[in-house]
Amino acid sequence: MNLRPFQIVILAIFAVFALIALIFLSGYERKISVEEVAYGSQVVIWGTQESKIYKDLFREIAKTDEAFGVVKYVRVEEEDFDDLLVNAIAEGRSPDMVVLPAEDLVKHRAKLRAIPYETIPQRTFRDTYVDGAEVFALKDGIYAIPFAVDPLMLYWNRDILASNGLALPPKTWEEVVSNVVPRVTQRDNARNILQSALAFGEMRNVTHASEILALLALQSGSKMVTESDRGYLVSINQSTVEGAGSPLEAAVQFYTDFSNANSPTYSWNRAMPYDKNMFIAGDLAMYIGYGSEAENIDSKNPNLNFDITTVPQGGAATAFRTYGQFYGFAIPRASTNASGAFAAAQKISSKTFADSLTVSLNLAPVRRDLVSVAQSNSYRASILQSAIVARGWLDPDPIATKGIFTRMVEDVVSNRVTMKSAVTDAINRLTLEY
C-alpha cells in the first residue's frame, strides 16, 4: 500500500510519541520499584500515643522521603490494645509494627519478631543507645528498636521547701530522712499528718508505687529479672554485689517506714489523698513521677512553684539509677511487611527524627548522640540527665505485678507477716507470672 506523504508524517509523529511514552513509563516503573524496596506498599503502626504527633512527624519525613508516605499510624486505646492486637493477629490483619513499652515486652514476646544480631550487632546497639535500652536486647535478638525513655523524676515544691529553710532539693535518701522529712512533715499530738514531705509507704494512693519499689530495688543493686536457658530468673532480691544483702527487702523496708506511725520518717498513710493530686494542689513537698508529667502538672496549676530534678540516690552510691519506661518499635511475627516496617523504624528512630518525636511526646531520646546535647528547657535538661541512668526490667505483666507488690507492702504495713515472708511470697507469685 502506497502511503501519502502526510500519512507518513502522522505515523512518524505517533512513533515518536510512543517512544517517549515508553521511556517515561520505563522510568516510572523503576521509581516504583525503589519505593517498594524501601517500605513496601504499606506499613501500619499501632500505638497508644497521640495520633497527631506521629502524623505530623510522618508528613515531615515524607517531605524529603516521598516513599515514606506509605507509613501510617493508628492510635489504639491503651486499655484495648492487648485484646485488639491478639484478635488482629488471629484474623490475619496484624499491624506491621507496634510502639512497645518495655513493661509489655515479656507479655507480648511470643508475638514479636526478634531482629537477629547479624542485622544489628550487639556492639552497634550498645554504642548507639543508652544502657537501659538493652532491656529490648534479649538472648535471641533485639525485640524492638528503642527510641525513647520516660524516667522517674523528683518533683519538688519550691515554696514548701523554702518555707522550711531548704533552698535545694535533696540529692540523697539520707538527706530525705534526716533533713527534709523532719523539717517539712507536720503532725499533731495524735500523730495525724497535717503536711507531708513525701508519699511513700502505701500502694493505693501512690500513683507510681510499683515503679518506685523497682527504682529502690535497682538502687540497692538488684539483679531484677534475667534470662537463662530455662527461661526467666526472678532475681529481684539478689544483689549484683556479692554479700551486699537483699535488695528487695531493703527497698520494702525503706519504703514502708514512711507509713509506719512509730517511725521518725512517718509522713504518709492510706487515708491521704492521691499523691499527685496533693502535689498539684500545693500540699505535698515532693512527688516521684515521670518526666513526661511536668507539662501536665504545670497546666493543671499554673501557680504551682515547682521544679524537677533527678531522684535521690543512696549516699554511698557510685552508680546512679532511676527507673525508666522505655519505648521501642517492635515488629509482630504476623506482619506481612516486616522489611518495610524495619526500614520505617530505622528512619523514625534516626538522630534527626527521634529528637523531634521525643520532644513532641515529652520523652527523652535513648540515642547517645542526643541525650548529651545541651538543652535550653530546664525540665528537658533534667529529664535527659536521668535518661542516661534509667533502667527498666523484664516485668511479666504490669497489672499483675502491681497486685503482687500491693499485697507484699500491705502485708508488711499491717504486720500480717514478716518482711522476709512477704518478699518471698511476692517473688514466688512473680515467678508464676512468667
Protein backbone atom coordinates (compact mmCIF):
# COMPACT_ATOMS: atom_id res chain seq x y z
CA MET A 1 0.00 0.00 0.00
CA ASN A 2 1.35 3.36 -1.01
CA LEU A 3 1.27 5.98 1.73
CA ARG A 4 0.86 9.61 1.04
CA PRO A 5 3.47 11.99 2.47
CA PHE A 6 1.14 13.44 5.16
CA GLN A 7 0.27 9.86 6.32
CA ILE A 8 3.97 9.09 6.66
CA VAL A 9 4.41 12.24 8.75
CA ILE A 10 1.47 11.33 11.02
CA LEU A 11 2.80 7.81 11.55
CA ALA A 12 6.24 9.21 12.33
CA ILE A 13 4.77 11.57 14.90
CA PHE A 14 2.85 8.72 16.57
CA ALA A 15 6.02 6.63 16.61
CA VAL A 16 7.94 9.42 18.32
CA PHE A 17 5.18 9.86 20.94
CA ALA A 18 5.09 6.10 21.53
CA LEU A 19 8.84 6.06 22.06
CA ILE A 20 8.66 8.98 24.52
CA ALA A 21 5.81 7.29 26.43
CA LEU A 22 7.77 4.05 26.58
CA ILE A 23 10.81 5.85 28.00
CA PHE A 24 8.63 7.73 30.54
CA LEU A 25 6.82 4.60 31.71
CA SER A 26 10.08 2.72 31.97
CA GLY A 27 11.47 5.42 34.27
CA TYR A 28 8.26 5.50 36.31
CA GLU A 29 8.37 1.74 36.88
CA ARG A 30 11.95 1.99 38.11
CA LYS A 31 10.91 4.67 40.61
CA ILE A 32 8.10 2.50 41.97
CA SER A 33 10.41 -0.44 42.43
CA VAL A 34 12.80 1.65 44.53
CA GLU A 35 9.94 2.76 46.76
CA GLU A 36 8.76 -0.80 47.21
CA VAL A 37 12.25 -1.89 48.24
CA ALA A 38 12.32 0.89 50.88
CA TYR A 39 8.97 0.47 52.67
CA GLY A 40 6.77 -1.77 50.54
CA SER A 41 3.21 -0.90 49.62
CA GLN A 42 2.11 -0.07 53.20
CA VAL A 43 3.41 0.00 56.77
CA VAL A 44 0.76 0.18 59.50
CA ILE A 45 1.96 1.13 63.00
CA TRP A 46 -0.19 0.72 66.11
CA GLY A 47 0.41 2.65 69.31
CA THR A 48 -1.36 4.24 72.26
CA GLN A 49 0.30 7.64 72.00
CA GLU A 50 -1.20 10.76 70.44
CA SER A 51 -2.00 10.31 66.72
CA LYS A 52 -1.33 13.91 65.70
CA ILE A 53 2.26 13.76 66.91
CA TYR A 54 3.08 10.79 64.68
CA LYS A 55 1.10 12.04 61.70
CA ASP A 56 2.82 15.43 61.84
CA LEU A 57 6.21 13.72 62.03
CA PHE A 58 5.42 11.37 59.15
CA ARG A 59 4.41 14.29 56.95
CA GLU A 60 7.72 15.96 57.79
CA ILE A 61 9.67 12.82 56.89
CA ALA A 62 7.77 12.45 53.62
CA LYS A 63 8.92 15.93 52.51
CA THR A 64 12.41 14.55 51.93
CA ASP A 65 11.50 10.88 51.56
CA GLU A 66 8.42 10.62 49.36
CA ALA A 67 8.33 6.84 49.71
CA PHE A 68 7.59 7.26 53.45
CA GLY A 69 4.04 8.28 52.53
CA VAL A 70 3.01 4.61 52.77
CA VAL A 71 3.71 4.58 56.54
CA LYS A 72 0.56 5.08 58.63
CA TYR A 73 -0.01 5.40 62.39
CA VAL A 74 -3.16 4.11 64.09
CA ARG A 75 -3.88 5.09 67.69
CA VAL A 76 -5.41 2.37 69.89
CA GLU A 77 -6.78 2.97 73.39
CA GLU A 78 -4.35 1.63 75.97
CA GLU A 79 -6.94 -0.49 77.75
CA ASP A 80 -7.96 -2.13 74.46
CA PHE A 81 -4.52 -2.59 72.93
CA ASP A 82 -3.73 -6.15 74.08
CA ASP A 83 -7.09 -7.62 73.05
CA LEU A 84 -7.16 -5.83 69.71
CA LEU A 85 -3.64 -6.96 68.87
CA VAL A 86 -4.40 -10.60 69.69
CA ASN A 87 -7.60 -10.51 67.62
CA ALA A 88 -5.92 -8.76 64.69
CA ILE A 89 -3.15 -11.37 64.57
CA ALA A 90 -5.69 -14.22 64.78
CA GLU A 91 -7.73 -12.72 61.94
CA GLY A 92 -4.75 -12.16 59.65
CA ARG A 93 -4.76 -8.35 59.82
CA SER A 94 -1.81 -7.75 62.09
CA PRO A 95 -0.19 -4.30 62.14
CA ASP A 96 3.29 -4.24 60.66
CA MET A 97 4.76 -2.53 63.72
CA VAL A 98 3.76 -1.56 67.26
CA VAL A 99 5.02 1.09 69.68
CA LEU A 100 6.04 -1.18 72.55
CA PRO A 101 6.60 -0.11 76.18
CA ALA A 102 9.33 -2.29 77.71
CA GLU A 103 6.98 -3.32 80.53
CA ASP A 104 4.89 -5.17 77.91
CA LEU A 105 7.81 -6.98 76.28
CA VAL A 106 7.55 -10.25 78.21
CA LYS A 107 3.77 -10.34 77.79
CA HIS A 108 3.98 -9.96 74.00
CA ARG A 109 7.36 -11.56 73.29
CA ALA A 110 5.94 -14.68 71.64
CA LYS A 111 4.05 -12.50 69.16
CA LEU A 112 7.10 -10.44 68.16
CA ARG A 113 9.88 -10.94 65.65
CA ALA A 114 13.43 -10.81 67.05
CA ILE A 115 15.87 -8.80 64.96
CA PRO A 116 18.97 -11.03 64.77
CA TYR A 117 22.34 -9.75 65.97
CA GLU A 118 23.67 -10.35 62.47
CA THR A 119 21.41 -7.47 61.37
CA ILE A 120 22.13 -5.17 64.33
CA PRO A 121 25.34 -6.28 66.06
CA GLN A 122 25.40 -6.02 69.86
CA ARG A 123 28.36 -3.63 69.68
CA THR A 124 26.44 -1.32 67.34
CA PHE A 125 23.39 -1.44 69.62
CA ARG A 126 25.40 -0.63 72.75
CA ASP A 127 27.30 2.17 71.05
CA THR A 128 24.09 3.73 69.73
CA TYR A 129 21.75 3.58 72.73
CA VAL A 130 21.95 4.27 76.48
CA ASP A 131 22.48 1.24 78.71
CA GLY A 132 18.85 0.99 79.84
CA ALA A 133 17.69 0.39 76.26
CA GLU A 134 19.26 -3.06 76.48
CA VAL A 135 16.02 -4.23 78.09
CA PHE A 136 14.93 -4.88 74.48
CA ALA A 137 18.10 -6.87 73.64
CA LEU A 138 17.49 -10.46 74.71
CA LYS A 139 19.32 -13.75 74.14
CA ASP A 140 17.89 -14.44 70.69
CA GLY A 141 17.87 -10.91 69.29
CA ILE A 142 16.55 -7.36 69.59
CA TYR A 143 12.79 -7.21 70.10
CA ALA A 144 12.31 -3.50 69.49
CA ILE A 145 14.33 -0.63 68.06
CA PRO A 146 14.40 1.79 71.01
CA PHE A 147 13.64 5.47 70.55
CA ALA A 148 12.55 6.95 73.90
CA VAL A 149 12.52 6.66 77.68
CA ASP A 150 10.35 8.30 80.33
CA PRO A 151 12.43 8.38 83.55
CA LEU A 152 11.10 8.78 87.07
CA MET A 153 11.97 12.23 88.43
CA LEU A 154 11.78 14.06 91.75
CA TYR A 155 9.17 16.85 91.62
CA TRP A 156 9.65 19.35 94.43
CA ASN A 157 7.59 22.27 95.67
CA ARG A 158 9.94 25.25 95.89
CA ASP A 159 7.71 27.20 98.26
CA ILE A 160 7.27 24.39 100.81
CA LEU A 161 10.98 23.59 100.90
CA ALA A 162 11.95 27.27 101.07
CA SER A 163 9.47 27.91 103.88
CA ASN A 164 11.26 25.23 105.88
CA GLY A 165 14.74 26.59 105.24
CA LEU A 166 15.60 24.29 102.33
CA ALA A 167 16.96 26.05 99.26
CA LEU A 168 17.67 22.92 97.22
CA PRO A 169 16.04 19.53 96.73
CA PRO A 170 17.68 16.52 98.39
CA LYS A 171 20.29 14.63 96.40
CA THR A 172 20.38 11.56 98.65
CA TRP A 173 17.86 9.45 100.54
CA GLU A 174 19.86 10.15 103.67
CA GLU A 175 19.05 13.85 103.22
CA VAL A 176 15.38 12.99 102.78
CA VAL A 177 15.28 11.02 106.02
CA SER A 178 17.50 13.19 108.21
CA ASN A 179 16.68 16.66 106.93
CA VAL A 180 13.68 17.08 104.63
CA VAL A 181 11.13 14.84 106.39
CA PRO A 182 11.78 16.22 109.90
CA ARG A 183 11.61 19.82 108.69
CA VAL A 184 8.66 19.57 106.33
CA THR A 185 6.33 16.94 107.79
CA GLN A 186 3.88 18.34 110.31
CA ARG A 187 1.91 16.14 112.71
CA ASP A 188 -0.41 16.95 115.58
CA ASN A 189 -0.25 15.43 119.06
CA ALA A 190 -2.30 12.45 117.87
CA ARG A 191 0.25 11.79 115.07
CA ASN A 192 -2.22 12.91 112.40
CA ILE A 193 -0.34 14.17 109.35
CA LEU A 194 -1.02 17.85 108.63
CA GLN A 195 1.66 18.38 105.97
CA SER A 196 3.63 15.67 104.20
CA ALA A 197 7.15 15.66 102.81
CA LEU A 198 6.89 12.53 100.66
CA ALA A 199 4.22 10.00 99.69
CA PHE A 200 5.90 6.65 100.39
CA GLY A 201 4.69 3.62 102.29
CA GLU A 202 1.33 2.80 100.72
CA MET A 203 0.26 1.40 97.35
CA ARG A 204 -3.32 2.50 96.75
CA ASN A 205 -2.81 6.28 96.90
CA VAL A 206 0.73 6.48 95.48
CA THR A 207 0.49 6.88 91.71
CA HIS A 208 3.73 5.10 90.79
CA ALA A 209 4.18 2.85 93.82
CA SER A 210 5.23 -0.25 91.83
CA GLU A 211 7.78 1.72 89.81
CA ILE A 212 9.15 3.34 92.97
CA LEU A 213 9.73 -0.09 94.53
CA ALA A 214 11.53 -1.17 91.33
CA LEU A 215 13.56 2.05 91.50
CA LEU A 216 14.59 1.42 95.12
CA ALA A 217 15.48 -2.20 94.34
CA LEU A 218 17.59 -1.10 91.35
CA GLN A 219 19.38 1.46 93.51
CA SER A 220 20.05 -1.31 96.04
CA GLY A 221 21.81 -3.32 93.35
CA SER A 222 19.06 -5.79 92.43
CA LYS A 223 19.64 -8.16 89.51
CA MET A 224 15.88 -7.82 88.85
CA VAL A 225 14.95 -10.46 86.21
CA THR A 226 17.43 -12.17 83.92
CA GLU A 227 17.30 -14.83 81.23
CA SER A 228 18.70 -18.33 81.34
CA ASP A 229 18.40 -21.45 79.22
CA ARG A 230 15.46 -22.44 81.43
CA GLY A 231 13.60 -19.15 80.99
CA TYR A 232 13.34 -16.08 83.19
CA LEU A 233 15.08 -15.94 86.56
CA VAL A 234 13.41 -13.72 89.15
CA SER A 235 16.49 -12.38 90.95
CA ILE A 236 14.92 -9.19 92.27
CA ASN A 237 16.07 -9.97 95.84
CA GLN A 238 19.61 -10.87 94.76
CA SER A 239 22.34 -8.25 94.55
CA THR A 240 24.82 -7.75 91.75
CA VAL A 241 27.43 -7.27 94.51
CA GLU A 242 28.49 -10.36 96.41
CA GLY A 243 27.37 -10.24 100.05
CA ALA A 244 25.55 -6.92 99.66
CA GLY A 245 22.27 -8.04 101.23
CA SER A 246 18.73 -8.43 99.93
CA PRO A 247 17.79 -5.52 97.61
CA LEU A 248 14.02 -6.01 97.54
CA GLU A 249 13.82 -6.43 101.31
CA ALA A 250 15.88 -3.26 101.75
CA ALA A 251 13.61 -1.40 99.30
CA VAL A 252 10.39 -2.53 101.01
CA GLN A 253 11.78 -1.72 104.48
CA PHE A 254 12.77 1.80 103.44
CA TYR A 255 9.50 2.40 101.57
CA THR A 256 7.15 1.18 104.28
CA ASP A 257 8.89 3.13 107.07
CA PHE A 258 7.20 6.27 105.70
CA SER A 259 3.77 4.85 106.59
CA ASN A 260 4.81 3.45 109.97
CA ALA A 261 3.29 5.69 112.65
CA ASN A 262 6.09 4.70 115.05
CA SER A 263 8.85 5.66 112.61
CA PRO A 264 10.64 9.05 112.62
CA THR A 265 10.00 9.20 108.85
CA TYR A 266 6.23 8.78 109.21
CA SER A 267 4.74 11.13 106.61
CA TRP A 268 2.04 9.18 104.74
CA ASN A 269 -0.88 6.82 105.31
CA ARG A 270 -3.75 5.22 103.47
CA ALA A 271 -6.20 7.99 104.45
CA MET A 272 -4.25 10.62 102.48
CA PRO A 273 -5.40 11.78 99.01
CA TYR A 274 -3.62 10.61 95.84
CA ASP A 275 -0.07 11.90 95.93
CA LYS A 276 -0.16 13.54 92.50
CA ASN A 277 -3.39 15.41 93.25
CA MET A 278 -1.97 16.55 96.58
CA PHE A 279 1.21 17.78 94.90
CA ILE A 280 -0.74 19.68 92.23
CA ALA A 281 -2.81 21.30 94.99
CA GLY A 282 0.42 22.53 96.58
CA ASP A 283 0.08 20.39 99.73
CA LEU A 284 2.85 17.81 99.16
CA ALA A 285 6.52 18.79 99.25
CA MET A 286 7.88 16.07 96.95
CA TYR A 287 6.38 13.72 94.38
CA ILE A 288 8.02 10.93 92.36
CA GLY A 289 6.61 10.98 88.84
CA TYR A 290 7.57 10.51 85.21
CA GLY A 291 9.35 13.29 83.37
CA SER A 292 6.52 13.42 80.84
CA GLU A 293 4.15 14.65 83.57
CA ALA A 294 5.83 18.05 84.01
CA GLU A 295 3.81 19.97 81.44
CA ASN A 296 0.56 18.34 82.59
CA ILE A 297 1.21 19.35 86.19
CA ASP A 298 2.14 22.85 85.08
CA SER A 299 -1.09 23.19 83.09
CA LYS A 300 -3.29 21.95 85.95
CA ASN A 301 -1.91 24.50 88.39
CA PRO A 302 -0.02 27.34 86.65
CA ASN A 303 0.55 28.98 90.03
CA LEU A 304 2.37 25.99 91.47
CA ASN A 305 6.02 26.88 92.08
CA PHE A 306 7.72 23.55 91.39
CA ASP A 307 10.72 22.10 89.64
CA ILE A 308 12.05 18.66 88.71
CA THR A 309 15.39 17.01 89.27
CA THR A 310 16.95 13.56 89.35
CA VAL A 311 15.61 11.21 92.04
CA PRO A 312 17.67 10.94 95.24
CA GLN A 313 20.34 8.25 95.38
CA GLY A 314 21.98 6.36 98.22
CA GLY A 315 24.70 8.44 99.86
CA ALA A 316 27.37 5.84 99.12
CA ALA A 317 26.16 5.10 95.59
CA THR A 318 28.79 5.11 92.87
CA ALA A 319 26.44 4.07 90.06
CA PHE A 320 23.35 6.29 89.88
CA ARG A 321 19.99 4.73 88.93
CA THR A 322 16.43 5.71 88.26
CA TYR A 323 13.54 3.70 86.87
CA GLY A 324 12.53 4.41 83.28
CA GLN A 325 9.77 3.33 80.94
CA PHE A 326 11.49 2.55 77.62
CA TYR A 327 9.71 2.61 74.27
CA GLY A 328 10.67 0.88 71.04
CA PHE A 329 9.32 -0.08 67.64
CA ALA A 330 8.58 -3.82 67.55
CA ILE A 331 7.57 -5.96 64.57
CA PRO A 332 4.90 -8.66 65.08
CA ARG A 333 5.69 -12.09 63.66
CA ALA A 334 2.41 -11.88 61.73
CA SER A 335 3.42 -8.69 59.89
CA THR A 336 3.15 -9.09 56.12
CA ASN A 337 5.72 -6.36 55.53
CA ALA A 338 8.48 -6.92 58.09
CA SER A 339 11.24 -5.48 55.90
CA GLY A 340 9.24 -2.30 55.26
CA ALA A 341 8.48 -1.99 58.97
CA PHE A 342 12.16 -2.39 59.84
CA ALA A 343 13.12 0.33 57.35
CA ALA A 344 10.43 2.64 58.77
CA ALA A 345 11.60 2.01 62.35
CA GLN A 346 15.17 2.87 61.40
CA LYS A 347 14.04 6.09 59.73
CA ILE A 348 11.85 7.26 62.66
CA SER A 349 14.49 6.37 65.26
CA SER A 350 17.31 8.09 63.38
CA LYS A 351 19.06 11.05 65.02
CA THR A 352 17.08 13.71 63.16
CA PHE A 353 13.60 12.34 63.69
CA ALA A 354 13.96 10.67 67.11
CA ASP A 355 14.78 14.06 68.62
CA SER A 356 11.72 15.68 67.07
CA LEU A 357 9.43 12.81 68.12
CA THR A 358 10.62 12.65 71.73
CA VAL A 359 10.31 16.41 72.17
CA SER A 360 6.68 16.23 70.99
CA LEU A 361 5.96 13.28 73.33
CA ASN A 362 7.70 14.92 76.33
CA LEU A 363 10.05 11.94 76.49
CA ALA A 364 13.83 11.62 76.41
CA PRO A 365 15.62 10.10 73.43
CA VAL A 366 17.73 7.00 74.03
CA ARG A 367 20.36 7.67 71.39
CA ARG A 368 23.70 8.52 72.97
CA ASP A 369 24.26 11.27 70.39
CA LEU A 370 21.06 13.01 71.53
CA VAL A 371 20.99 12.70 75.34
CA SER A 372 24.27 14.60 75.61
CA VAL A 373 23.05 17.63 73.63
CA ALA A 374 22.71 20.85 75.68
CA GLN A 375 19.10 21.92 76.35
CA SER A 376 17.62 25.36 76.92
CA ASN A 377 14.48 23.92 78.57
CA SER A 378 15.33 23.23 82.23
CA TYR A 379 12.77 20.41 82.53
CA ARG A 380 14.15 18.65 79.48
CA ALA A 381 17.75 19.07 80.62
CA SER A 382 16.97 17.20 83.86
CA ILE A 383 14.99 14.52 82.02
CA LEU A 384 17.87 13.86 79.61
CA GLN A 385 20.29 13.63 82.52
CA SER A 386 18.06 10.98 84.12
CA ALA A 387 17.67 9.11 80.82
CA ILE A 388 21.35 8.18 80.90
CA VAL A 389 21.00 6.35 84.24
CA ALA A 390 17.46 4.99 83.73
CA ARG A 391 16.79 1.26 83.80
CA GLY A 392 13.75 -0.90 83.16
CA TRP A 393 13.19 -4.59 83.86
CA LEU A 394 11.51 -7.63 82.36
CA ASP A 395 8.14 -7.17 84.04
CA PRO A 396 5.84 -10.17 83.40
CA ASP A 397 2.69 -8.05 83.39
CA PRO A 398 2.36 -4.54 84.92
CA ILE A 399 -1.15 -5.13 86.27
CA ALA A 400 -0.26 -8.47 87.85
CA THR A 401 2.95 -7.03 89.28
CA LYS A 402 1.11 -4.13 90.86
CA GLY A 403 -1.25 -6.58 92.57
CA ILE A 404 1.67 -8.67 93.85
CA PHE A 405 3.56 -5.63 95.14
CA THR A 406 0.40 -4.26 96.75
CA ARG A 407 -0.12 -7.47 98.69
CA MET A 408 3.53 -7.53 99.73
CA VAL A 409 3.55 -3.95 101.03
CA GLU A 410 0.19 -4.23 102.77
CA ASP A 411 1.26 -7.48 104.45
CA VAL A 412 4.28 -5.65 105.84
CA VAL A 413 2.43 -2.46 106.84
CA SER A 414 -0.30 -4.43 108.64
CA ASN A 415 2.25 -6.74 110.32
CA ARG A 416 0.42 -9.80 108.96
CA VAL A 417 3.71 -11.49 108.10
CA THR A 418 7.41 -10.78 108.46
CA MET A 419 9.28 -8.75 105.87
CA LYS A 420 11.16 -11.80 104.65
CA SER A 421 7.96 -13.86 104.27
CA ALA A 422 6.19 -11.07 102.38
CA VAL A 423 9.09 -10.67 99.96
CA THR A 424 9.48 -14.43 99.46
CA ASP A 425 5.77 -14.76 98.71
CA ALA A 426 5.94 -11.88 96.23
CA ILE A 427 8.88 -13.46 94.40
CA ASN A 428 7.07 -16.79 94.19
CA ARG A 429 3.99 -15.08 92.78
CA LEU A 430 6.07 -13.13 90.26
CA THR A 431 7.78 -16.31 89.14
CA LEU A 432 4.40 -17.88 88.34
CA GLU A 433 3.58 -14.95 86.03
CA TYR A 434 6.39 -15.79 83.58
